[in-house]
Amino acid sequence: MKTIYNSEAGKRKILALYDEQLKRLDRTYQDVYVNTSFGRTHLIETGTLTKEPLLVFHGGNATTAYNLLACDFL
């Protein structure tokens, strides 16, 4: 499978930023992986799990972690 990263160093830097953004959520979350027709897809599950779920897609040029920070009001 083709990678989206230009280099291994770049990949490590982006993944470190991603982890840092998740820590800033200051709440519990779990990684969920779903097999789709496009391949293995990573989801972040957080919030009140007894409520109706809301699936939020991040736009281009943003990570899921950043999107969750921006949607903290939800």
PDB file of N, CA and C in Angstrom:
ATOM      1  N   MET A   1       0.841  -1.168   0.000  1.00  0.00           N
ATOM      2  CA  MET A   1       0.000   0.000   0.000  1.00  0.00           C
ATOM      3  C   MET A   1       0.897   1.245   0.000  1.00  0.00           C
ATOM      4  N   LYS A   2       0.527   2.234  -0.786  1.00  0.00           N
ATOM      5  CA  LYS A   2       1.288   3.480  -0.859  1.00  0.00           C
ATOM      6  C   LYS A   2       1.081   4.279   0.425  1.00  0.00           C
ATOM      7  N   THR A   3       2.122   4.919   0.898  1.00  0.00           N
ATOM      8  CA  THR A   3       2.044   5.713   2.117  1.00  0.00           C
ATOM      9  C   THR A   3       1.779   7.185   1.791  1.00  0.00           C
ATOM     10  N   ILE A   4       1.201   7.900   2.726  1.00  0.00           N
ATOM     11  CA  ILE A   4       0.952   9.335   2.550  1.00  0.00           C
ATOM     12  C   ILE A   4       2.138  10.171   3.016  1.00  0.00           C
ATOM     13  N   TYR A   5       3.111   9.537   3.634  1.00  0.00           N
ATOM     14  CA  TYR A   5       4.250  10.249   4.209  1.00  0.00           C
ATOM     15  C   TYR A   5       5.403  10.310   3.216  1.00  0.00           C
ATOM     16  N   ASN A   6       6.107  11.439   3.207  1.00  0.00           N
ATOM     17  CA  ASN A   6       7.255  11.610   2.324  1.00  0.00           C
ATOM     18  C   ASN A   6       8.504  10.932   2.858  1.00  0.00           C
ATOM     19  N   SER A   7       8.562  10.773   4.177  1.00  0.00           N
ATOM     20  CA  SER A   7       9.737  10.153   4.790  1.00  0.00           C
ATOM     21  C   SER A   7       9.330   9.525   6.118  1.00  0.00           C
ATOM     22  N   GLU A   8      10.176   8.660   6.612  1.00  0.00           N
ATOM     23  CA  GLU A   8       9.942   8.032   7.913  1.00  0.00           C
ATOM     24  C   GLU A   8      10.003   9.078   9.022  1.00  0.00           C
ATOM     25  N   ALA A   9      10.919  10.041   8.907  1.00  0.00           N
ATOM     26  CA  ALA A   9      11.030  11.113   9.908  1.00  0.00           C
ATOM     27  C   ALA A   9       9.767  11.968   9.920  1.00  0.00           C
ATOM     28  N   GLY A  10       9.243  12.269   8.741  1.00  0.00           N
ATOM     29  CA  GLY A  10       8.008  13.046   8.647  1.00  0.00           C
ATOM     30  C   GLY A  10       6.836  12.310   9.261  1.00  0.00           C
ATOM     31  N   LYS A  11       6.778  11.006   9.027  1.00  0.00           N
ATOM     32  CA  LYS A  11       5.715  10.180   9.613  1.00  0.00           C
ATOM     33  C   LYS A  11       5.784  10.228  11.132  1.00  0.00           C
ATOM     34  N   ARG A  12       6.971  10.067  11.688  1.00  0.00           N
ATOM     35  CA  ARG A  12       7.130  10.098  13.154  1.00  0.00           C
ATOM     36  C   ARG A  12       6.694  11.457  13.716  1.00  0.00           C
ATOM     37  N   LYS A  13       7.037  12.533  13.019  1.00  0.00           N
ATOM     38  CA  LYS A  13       6.692  13.883  13.478  1.00  0.00           C
ATOM     39  C   LYS A  13       5.171  14.091  13.482  1.00  0.00           C
ATOM     40  N   ILE A  14       4.514  13.673  12.429  1.00  0.00           N
ATOM     41  CA  ILE A  14       3.055  13.816  12.332  1.00  0.00           C
ATOM     42  C   ILE A  14       2.358  12.962  13.387  1.00  0.00           C
ATOM     43  N   LEU A  15       2.808  11.727  13.571  1.00  0.00           N
ATOM     44  CA  LEU A  15       2.184  10.855  14.570  1.00  0.00           C
ATOM     45  C   LEU A  15       2.412  11.373  15.989  1.00  0.00           C
ATOM     46  N   ALA A  16       3.555  11.999  16.247  1.00  0.00           N
ATOM     47  CA  ALA A  16       3.807  12.601  17.565  1.00  0.00           C
ATOM     48  C   ALA A  16       2.858  13.775  17.793  1.00  0.00           C
ATOM     49  N   LEU A  17       2.636  14.590  16.768  1.00  0.00           N
ATOM     50  CA  LEU A  17       1.695  15.703  16.876  1.00  0.00           C
ATOM     51  C   LEU A  17       0.282  15.177  17.128  1.00  0.00           C
ATOM     52  N   TYR A  18      -0.082  14.128  16.429  1.00  0.00           N
ATOM     53  CA  TYR A  18      -1.393  13.496  16.602  1.00  0.00           C
ATOM     54  C   TYR A  18      -1.584  13.038  18.049  1.00  0.00           C
ATOM     55  N   ASP A  19      -0.591  12.348  18.592  1.00  0.00           N
ATOM     56  CA  ASP A  19      -0.671  11.885  19.981  1.00  0.00           C
ATOM     57  C   ASP A  19      -0.763  13.053  20.949  1.00  0.00           C
ATOM     58  N   GLU A  20      -0.030  14.122  20.673  1.00  0.00           N
ATOM     59  CA  GLU A  20      -0.076  15.318  21.522  1.00  0.00           C
ATOM     60  C   GLU A  20      -1.478  15.942  21.497  1.00  0.00           C
ATOM     61  N   GLN A  21      -2.094  15.993  20.332  1.00  0.00           N
ATOM     62  CA  GLN A  21      -3.449  16.539  20.228  1.00  0.00           C
ATOM     63  C   GLN A  21      -4.451  15.680  20.988  1.00  0.00           C
ATOM     64  N   LEU A  22      -4.306  14.368  20.921  1.00  0.00           N
ATOM     65  CA  LEU A  22      -5.205  13.493  21.663  1.00  0.00           C
ATOM     66  C   LEU A  22      -5.069  13.700  23.169  1.00  0.00           C
ATOM     67  N   LYS A  23      -3.852  13.911  23.647  1.00  0.00           N
ATOM     68  CA  LYS A  23      -3.643  14.163  25.076  1.00  0.00           C
ATOM     69  C   LYS A  23      -4.336  15.448  25.513  1.00  0.00           C
ATOM     70  N   ARG A  24      -4.395  16.429  24.615  1.00  0.00           N
ATOM     71  CA  ARG A  24      -5.036  17.706  24.934  1.00  0.00           C
ATOM     72  C   ARG A  24      -6.542  17.576  25.095  1.00  0.00           C
ATOM     73  N   LEU A  25      -7.127  16.479  24.619  1.00  0.00           N
ATOM     74  CA  LEU A  25      -8.565  16.270  24.794  1.00  0.00           C
ATOM     75  C   LEU A  25      -8.931  16.198  26.264  1.00  0.00           C
ATOM     76  N   ASP A  26      -8.015  15.700  27.078  1.00  0.00           N
ATOM     77  CA  ASP A  26      -8.213  15.574  28.517  1.00  0.00           C
ATOM     78  C   ASP A  26      -9.474  14.779  28.856  1.00  0.00           C
ATOM     79  N   ARG A  27      -9.679  13.710  28.113  1.00  0.00           N
ATOM     80  CA  ARG A  27     -10.793  12.800  28.385  1.00  0.00           C
ATOM     81  C   ARG A  27     -10.432  11.415  27.871  1.00  0.00           C
ATOM     82  N   THR A  28     -11.184  10.457  28.307  1.00  0.00           N
ATOM     83  CA  THR A  28     -10.892   9.095  27.860  1.00  0.00           C
ATOM     84  C   THR A  28     -11.366   8.904  26.421  1.00  0.00           C
ATOM     85  N   TYR A  29     -10.670   8.071  25.719  1.00  0.00           N
ATOM     86  CA  TYR A  29     -11.032   7.725  24.349  1.00  0.00           C
ATOM     87  C   TYR A  29     -10.476   6.339  24.076  1.00  0.00           C
ATOM     88  N   GLN A  30     -10.960   5.749  23.027  1.00  0.00           N
ATOM     89  CA  GLN A  30     -10.380   4.476  22.624  1.00  0.00           C
ATOM     90  C   GLN A  30     -10.254   4.440  21.108  1.00  0.00           C
ATOM     91  N   ASP A  31      -9.232   3.752  20.656  1.00  0.00           N
ATOM     92  CA  ASP A  31      -9.015   3.547  19.234  1.00  0.00           C
ATOM     93  C   ASP A  31      -9.883   2.381  18.783  1.00  0.00           C
ATOM     94  N   VAL A  32     -10.568   2.564  17.681  1.00  0.00           N
ATOM     95  CA  VAL A  32     -11.400   1.516  17.101  1.00  0.00           C
ATOM     96  C   VAL A  32     -10.953   1.350  15.650  1.00  0.00           C
ATOM     97  N   TYR A  33     -10.831   0.122  15.202  1.00  0.00           N
ATOM     98  CA  TYR A  33     -10.449  -0.162  13.821  1.00  0.00           C
ATOM     99  C   TYR A  33     -11.571  -0.943  13.156  1.00  0.00           C
ATOM    100  N   VAL A  34     -11.980  -0.492  11.976  1.00  0.00           N
ATOM    101  CA  VAL A  34     -13.074  -1.099  11.234  1.00  0.00           C
ATOM    102  C   VAL A  34     -12.558  -1.485   9.857  1.00  0.00           C
ATOM    103  N   ASN A  35     -12.848  -2.696   9.433  1.00  0.00           N
ATOM    104  CA  ASN A  35     -12.482  -3.118   8.081  1.00  0.00           C
ATOM    105  C   ASN A  35     -13.556  -2.631   7.117  1.00  0.00           C
ATOM    106  N   THR A  36     -13.135  -1.887   6.091  1.00  0.00           N
ATOM    107  CA  THR A  36     -14.050  -1.361   5.087  1.00  0.00           C
ATOM    108  C   THR A  36     -13.577  -1.807   3.703  1.00  0.00           C
ATOM    109  N   SER A  37     -14.344  -1.471   2.701  1.00  0.00           N
ATOM    110  CA  SER A  37     -13.947  -1.806   1.333  1.00  0.00           C
ATOM    111  C   SER A  37     -12.714  -1.014   0.903  1.00  0.00           C
ATOM    112  N   PHE A  38     -12.373   0.034   1.642  1.00  0.00           N
ATOM    113  CA  PHE A  38     -11.171   0.829   1.365  1.00  0.00           C
ATOM    114  C   PHE A  38      -9.973   0.383   2.187  1.00  0.00           C
ATOM    115  N   GLY A  39     -10.181  -0.593   3.051  1.00  0.00           N
ATOM    116  CA  GLY A  39      -9.116  -1.074   3.912  1.00  0.00           C
ATOM    117  C   GLY A  39      -9.437  -0.819   5.371  1.00  0.00           C
ATOM    118  N   ARG A  40      -8.463  -1.012   6.217  1.00  0.00           N
ATOM    119  CA  ARG A  40      -8.617  -0.828   7.666  1.00  0.00           C
ATOM    120  C   ARG A  40      -8.735   0.665   7.979  1.00  0.00           C
ATOM    121  N   THR A  41      -9.785   1.038   8.693  1.00  0.00           N
ATOM    122  CA  THR A  41     -10.066   2.441   8.995  1.00  0.00           C
ATOM    123  C   THR A  41     -10.013   2.667  10.499  1.00  0.00           C
ATOM    124  N   HIS A  42      -9.327   3.720  10.899  1.00  0.00           N
ATOM    125  CA  HIS A  42      -9.131   4.048  12.306  1.00  0.00           C
ATOM    126  C   HIS A  42     -10.176   5.068  12.751  1.00  0.00           C
ATOM    127  N   LEU A  43     -10.835   4.790  13.871  1.00  0.00           N
ATOM    128  CA  LEU A  43     -11.801   5.706  14.481  1.00  0.00           C
ATOM    129  C   LEU A  43     -11.374   5.994  15.912  1.00  0.00           C
ATOM    130  N   ILE A  44     -11.754   7.154  16.408  1.00  0.00           N
ATOM    131  CA  ILE A  44     -11.579   7.504  17.821  1.00  0.00           C
ATOM    132  C   ILE A  44     -12.969   7.567  18.436  1.00  0.00           C
ATOM    133  N   GLU A  45     -13.168   6.816  19.500  1.00  0.00           N
ATOM    134  CA  GLU A  45     -14.449   6.805  20.196  1.00  0.00           C
ATOM    135  C   GLU A  45     -14.274   7.519  21.528  1.00  0.00           C
ATOM    136  N   THR A  46     -15.097   8.538  21.763  1.00  0.00           N
ATOM    137  CA  THR A  46     -14.996   9.311  23.000  1.00  0.00           C
ATOM    138  C   THR A  46     -16.361   9.897  23.336  1.00  0.00           C
ATOM    139  N   GLY A  47     -16.466  10.453  24.506  1.00  0.00           N
ATOM    140  CA  GLY A  47     -17.722  11.078  24.916  1.00  0.00           C
ATOM    141  C   GLY A  47     -18.565  10.139  25.741  1.00  0.00           C
ATOM    142  N   THR A  48     -19.844  10.469  25.823  1.00  0.00           N
ATOM    143  CA  THR A  48     -20.797   9.681  26.595  1.00  0.00           C
ATOM    144  C   THR A  48     -21.308   8.546  25.715  1.00  0.00           C
ATOM    145  N   LEU A  49     -20.843   7.351  25.974  1.00  0.00           N
ATOM    146  CA  LEU A  49     -21.134   6.219  25.102  1.00  0.00           C
ATOM    147  C   LEU A  49     -22.563   5.707  25.237  1.00  0.00           C
ATOM    148  N   THR A  50     -23.320   6.189  26.239  1.00  0.00           N
ATOM    149  CA  THR A  50     -24.710   5.775  26.395  1.00  0.00           C
ATOM    150  C   THR A  50     -25.658   6.651  25.581  1.00  0.00           C
ATOM    151  N   LYS A  51     -25.156   7.730  25.023  1.00  0.00           N
ATOM    152  CA  LYS A  51     -25.967   8.644  24.205  1.00  0.00           C
ATOM    153  C   LYS A  51     -25.930   8.208  22.740  1.00  0.00           C
ATOM    154  N   GLU A  52     -26.788   8.834  21.937  1.00  0.00           N
ATOM    155  CA  GLU A  52     -26.802   8.547  20.505  1.00  0.00           C
ATOM    156  C   GLU A  52     -25.459   8.936  19.890  1.00  0.00           C
ATOM    157  N   PRO A  53     -24.880   8.068  19.068  1.00  0.00           N
ATOM    158  CA  PRO A  53     -23.558   8.370  18.502  1.00  0.00           C
ATOM    159  C   PRO A  53     -23.620   9.469  17.436  1.00  0.00           C
ATOM    160  N   LEU A  54     -22.518  10.166  17.305  1.00  0.00           N
ATOM    161  CA  LEU A  54     -22.338  11.177  16.272  1.00  0.00           C
ATOM    162  C   LEU A  54     -21.018  10.882  15.584  1.00  0.00           C
ATOM    163  N   LEU A  55     -21.056  10.682  14.302  1.00  0.00           N
ATOM    164  CA  LEU A  55     -19.846  10.408  13.534  1.00  0.00           C
ATOM    165  C   LEU A  55     -19.394  11.717  12.901  1.00  0.00           C
ATOM    166  N   VAL A  56     -18.177  12.144  13.230  1.00  0.00           N
ATOM    167  CA  VAL A  56     -17.643  13.414  12.734  1.00  0.00           C
ATOM    168  C   VAL A  56     -16.463  13.103  11.818  1.00  0.00           C
ATOM    169  N   PHE A  57     -16.530  13.608  10.593  1.00  0.00           N
ATOM    170  CA  PHE A  57     -15.441  13.431   9.638  1.00  0.00           C
ATOM    171  C   PHE A  57     -14.574  14.676   9.643  1.00  0.00           C
ATOM    172  N   HIS A  58     -13.273  14.495   9.708  1.00  0.00           N
ATOM    173  CA  HIS A  58     -12.388  15.643   9.619  1.00  0.00           C
ATOM    174  C   HIS A  58     -12.196  16.009   8.155  1.00  0.00           C
ATOM    175  N   GLY A  59     -11.937  17.285   7.923  1.00  0.00           N
ATOM    176  CA  GLY A  59     -11.673  17.741   6.567  1.00  0.00           C
ATOM    177  C   GLY A  59     -10.217  17.524   6.202  1.00  0.00           C
ATOM    178  N   GLY A  60      -9.895  17.851   4.989  1.00  0.00           N
ATOM    179  CA  GLY A  60      -8.499  17.744   4.581  1.00  0.00           C
ATOM    180  C   GLY A  60      -7.641  18.710   5.369  1.00  0.00           C
ATOM    181  N   ASN A  61      -6.381  18.415   5.475  1.00  0.00           N
ATOM    182  CA  ASN A  61      -5.409  19.251   6.182  1.00  0.00           C
ATOM    183  C   ASN A  61      -5.663  19.346   7.682  1.00  0.00           C
ATOM    184  N   ALA A  62      -6.394  18.398   8.246  1.00  0.00           N
ATOM    185  CA  ALA A  62      -6.610  18.356   9.694  1.00  0.00           C
ATOM    186  C   ALA A  62      -6.663  16.897  10.120  1.00  0.00           C
ATOM    187  N   THR A  63      -6.258  16.643  11.345  1.00  0.00           N
ATOM    188  CA  THR A  63      -6.329  15.285  11.857  1.00  0.00           C
ATOM    189  C   THR A  63      -7.600  15.107  12.671  1.00  0.00           C
ATOM    190  N   THR A  64      -7.963  13.871  12.920  1.00  0.00           N
ATOM    191  CA  THR A  64      -9.109  13.586  13.772  1.00  0.00           C
ATOM    192  C   THR A  64      -8.914  14.198  15.149  1.00  0.00           C
ATOM    193  N   ALA A  65      -7.710  14.104  15.678  1.00  0.00           N
ATOM    194  CA  ALA A  65      -7.442  14.656  17.011  1.00  0.00           C
ATOM    195  C   ALA A  65      -7.699  16.160  17.031  1.00  0.00           C
ATOM    196  N   TYR A  66      -7.246  16.868  16.023  1.00  0.00           N
ATOM    197  CA  TYR A  66      -7.475  18.316  15.956  1.00  0.00           C
ATOM    198  C   TYR A  66      -8.966  18.599  15.815  1.00  0.00           C
ATOM    199  N   ASN A  67      -9.659  17.816  15.010  1.00  0.00           N
ATOM    200  CA  ASN A  67     -11.094  17.990  14.823  1.00  0.00           C
ATOM    201  C   ASN A  67     -11.841  17.819  16.141  1.00  0.00           C
ATOM    202  N   LEU A  68     -11.452  16.835  16.940  1.00  0.00           N
ATOM    203  CA  LEU A  68     -12.096  16.634  18.239  1.00  0.00           C
ATOM    204  C   LEU A  68     -11.866  17.816  19.166  1.00  0.00           C
ATOM    205  N   LEU A  69     -10.674  18.418  19.114  1.00  0.00           N
ATOM    206  CA  LEU A  69     -10.413  19.614  19.917  1.00  0.00           C
ATOM    207  C   LEU A  69     -11.300  20.764  19.473  1.00  0.00           C
ATOM    208  N   ALA A  70     -11.474  20.928  18.160  1.00  0.00           N
ATOM    209  CA  ALA A  70     -12.287  22.008  17.622  1.00  0.00           C
ATOM    210  C   ALA A  70     -13.767  21.807  17.929  1.00  0.00           C
ATOM    211  N   CYS A  71     -14.187  20.566  18.138  1.00  0.00           N
ATOM    212  CA  CYS A  71     -15.605  20.253  18.393  1.00  0.00           C
ATOM    213  C   CYS A  71     -15.860  19.968  19.864  1.00  0.00           C
ATOM    214  N   ASP A  72     -15.059  20.520  20.732  1.00  0.00           N
ATOM    215  CA  ASP A  72     -15.177  20.245  22.160  1.00  0.00           C
ATOM    216  C   ASP A  72     -16.576  20.594  22.697  1.00  0.00           C
ATOM    217  N   PHE A  73     -17.241  21.553  22.086  1.00  0.00           N
ATOM    218  CA  PHE A  73     -18.575  21.961  22.542  1.00  0.00           C
ATOM    219  C   PHE A  73     -19.598  20.849  22.381  1.00  0.00           C
ATOM    220  N   LEU A  74     -19.318  19.851  21.541  1.00  0.00           N
ATOM    221  CA  LEU A  74     -20.252  18.746  21.358  1.00  0.00           C
ATOM    222  C   LEU A  74     -20.246  17.830  22.573  1.00  0.00           C
TER     223      LEU A  74
END
